[in-house]
């Protein structure tokens, strides 16, 4: 299982941003990440300086969204959708995106659902519940 460190994640996004700006060849994963970076121009400054990114504090008391976590969740959800794992995620995403008129906004709703299900599993010391995740997404369709 791939388990990158915080430094690895921040370096990946900063390097992807740099390569995108320089119009260098990207790996397939970097291409997906670059697409999300482009959709979040508000984070450009966070990706522009690797040393600052490695030192940045995005703790809750700082009151700032962690752009590295945010884009990592976009990548995770994109992967889930591409392989339909957990089963039903692709259909739930398509329905939500159609209802909202925006695949990007559907991702943001899914992030909230994913975060809640992960938090619940951690709080209870139980495995991730894919069915609860799908149900949480479907509940946003009403």
Protein backbone atom coordinates (compact mmCIF):
# COMPACT_ATOMS: atom_id res chain seq x y z
CA UNK A 1 0.00 0.00 0.00
CA UNK A 2 1.26 3.45 -0.89
CA UNK A 3 1.66 5.60 2.22
CA UNK A 4 3.27 8.94 1.35
CA UNK A 5 4.48 11.28 4.05
CA UNK A 6 3.27 14.85 4.36
CA UNK A 7 6.54 15.95 2.76
CA UNK A 8 6.03 13.51 -0.14
CA UNK A 9 2.51 14.83 -0.81
CA UNK A 10 3.54 18.47 -0.68
CA UNK A 11 6.57 17.83 -2.89
CA UNK A 12 4.40 15.95 -5.40
CA UNK A 13 1.90 18.81 -5.78
CA UNK A 14 4.57 21.53 -5.85
CA UNK A 15 6.59 19.64 -8.45
CA UNK A 16 3.46 18.98 -10.50
CA UNK A 17 2.63 22.68 -10.36
CA UNK A 18 6.19 23.59 -11.40
CA UNK A 19 6.18 21.13 -14.28
CA UNK A 20 2.76 22.36 -15.42
CA UNK A 21 3.94 25.97 -15.40
CA UNK A 22 7.09 25.00 -17.32
CA UNK A 23 5.01 22.93 -19.76
CA UNK A 24 7.11 19.85 -19.03
CA UNK A 25 5.93 16.30 -19.62
CA UNK A 26 3.78 14.98 -16.77
CA UNK A 27 3.27 11.43 -15.57
CA UNK A 28 -0.34 10.15 -15.76
CA UNK A 29 -0.88 10.86 -12.05
CA UNK A 30 0.67 14.32 -12.40
CA UNK A 31 -1.68 15.01 -15.31
CA UNK A 32 -4.70 14.27 -13.12
CA UNK A 33 -3.24 16.35 -10.29
CA UNK A 34 -2.49 19.19 -12.69
CA UNK A 35 -6.10 19.22 -13.87
CA UNK A 36 -7.22 19.71 -10.26
CA UNK A 37 -4.55 22.33 -9.59
CA UNK A 38 -5.82 24.32 -12.58
CA UNK A 39 -9.35 24.13 -11.16
CA UNK A 40 -8.09 25.61 -7.88
CA UNK A 41 -6.18 28.78 -8.78
CA UNK A 42 -6.67 30.01 -5.20
CA UNK A 43 -3.95 27.53 -4.18
CA UNK A 44 -1.29 28.58 -6.71
CA UNK A 45 0.77 30.43 -4.10
CA UNK A 46 0.75 27.35 -1.88
CA UNK A 47 2.28 25.27 -4.68
CA UNK A 48 4.71 27.84 -6.05
CA UNK A 49 7.32 27.61 -3.27
CA UNK A 50 8.29 24.10 -2.16
CA UNK A 51 10.24 25.24 0.90
CA UNK A 52 7.33 27.38 2.12
CA UNK A 53 4.94 24.48 1.41
CA UNK A 54 7.02 22.10 3.50
CA UNK A 55 6.95 24.53 6.43
CA UNK A 56 3.31 25.63 6.14
CA UNK A 57 0.95 24.98 9.02
CA UNK A 58 -2.64 24.18 8.07
CA UNK A 59 -3.84 23.23 11.53
CA UNK A 60 -7.47 23.95 12.35
CA UNK A 61 -6.52 26.92 14.56
CA UNK A 62 -4.85 28.55 11.53
CA UNK A 63 -8.28 28.76 9.88
CA UNK A 64 -6.97 27.92 6.41
CA UNK A 65 -7.90 25.09 4.10
CA UNK A 66 -5.06 22.66 3.54
CA UNK A 67 -4.67 22.70 -0.28
CA UNK A 68 -2.58 19.51 -0.22
CA UNK A 69 -5.28 17.60 1.63
CA UNK A 70 -7.99 19.10 -0.56
CA UNK A 71 -6.31 18.07 -3.81
CA UNK A 72 -5.34 14.68 -2.38
CA UNK A 73 -9.02 14.06 -1.73
CA UNK A 74 -9.84 15.07 -5.31
CA UNK A 75 -7.27 12.51 -6.52
CA UNK A 76 -8.64 9.84 -4.20
CA UNK A 77 -12.21 10.41 -5.33
CA UNK A 78 -11.18 10.46 -8.99
CA UNK A 79 -9.50 7.07 -8.47
CA UNK A 80 -12.56 5.69 -6.65
CA UNK A 81 -14.78 6.75 -9.54
CA UNK A 82 -12.42 5.34 -12.19
CA UNK A 83 -12.41 1.87 -10.61
CA UNK A 84 -15.92 1.98 -9.08
CA UNK A 85 -14.58 1.26 -5.62
CA UNK A 86 -16.43 1.10 -3.34
CA UNK A 87 -18.99 -0.49 -5.64
CA UNK A 88 -21.64 2.02 -6.68
CA UNK A 89 -19.44 5.10 -6.30
CA UNK A 90 -19.34 5.78 -10.05
CA UNK A 91 -23.13 5.79 -10.40
CA UNK A 92 -23.55 7.87 -7.25
CA UNK A 93 -21.02 10.39 -8.55
CA UNK A 94 -22.71 10.63 -11.95
CA UNK A 95 -26.11 11.21 -10.35
CA UNK A 96 -24.73 13.84 -8.00
CA UNK A 97 -22.78 15.61 -10.75
CA UNK A 98 -25.88 15.68 -12.94
CA UNK A 99 -28.03 16.99 -10.09
CA UNK A 100 -25.53 19.73 -9.25
CA UNK A 101 -24.62 20.46 -12.85
CA UNK A 102 -20.94 20.25 -11.92
CA UNK A 103 -18.58 17.30 -11.52
CA UNK A 104 -16.28 19.54 -9.48
CA UNK A 105 -19.02 20.45 -7.01
CA UNK A 106 -19.99 16.79 -6.83
CA UNK A 107 -16.41 16.03 -5.77
CA UNK A 108 -16.68 18.64 -3.01
CA UNK A 109 -19.88 17.08 -1.66
CA UNK A 110 -18.26 13.65 -1.86
CA UNK A 111 -15.28 14.99 0.12
CA UNK A 112 -17.62 15.96 2.94
CA UNK A 113 -19.17 12.48 2.88
CA UNK A 114 -15.79 10.76 2.71
CA UNK A 115 -14.43 12.81 5.60
CA UNK A 116 -17.47 12.07 7.74
CA UNK A 117 -17.30 8.31 7.11
CA UNK A 118 -13.55 8.22 7.79
CA UNK A 119 -14.04 10.22 10.99
CA UNK A 120 -16.79 7.87 12.14
CA UNK A 121 -14.62 4.80 11.48
CA UNK A 122 -11.71 6.32 13.39
CA UNK A 123 -13.93 7.40 16.27
CA UNK A 124 -15.44 3.92 16.59
CA UNK A 125 -12.26 1.98 15.79
CA UNK A 126 -14.02 0.23 12.90
CA UNK A 127 -13.07 -0.35 9.26
CA UNK A 128 -14.10 2.14 6.59
CA UNK A 129 -17.73 1.52 5.62
CA UNK A 130 -18.03 1.83 1.84
CA UNK A 131 -21.79 1.31 1.96
CA UNK A 132 -22.21 4.18 4.44
CA UNK A 133 -20.08 6.36 2.16
CA UNK A 134 -22.28 5.60 -0.86
CA UNK A 135 -25.42 6.16 1.22
CA UNK A 136 -24.12 9.51 2.45
CA UNK A 137 -23.54 10.59 -1.15
CA UNK A 138 -26.98 9.37 -2.21
CA UNK A 139 -28.56 11.30 0.66
CA UNK A 140 -27.27 14.48 -0.99
CA UNK A 141 -29.43 13.70 -4.03
CA UNK A 142 -32.64 14.48 -2.12
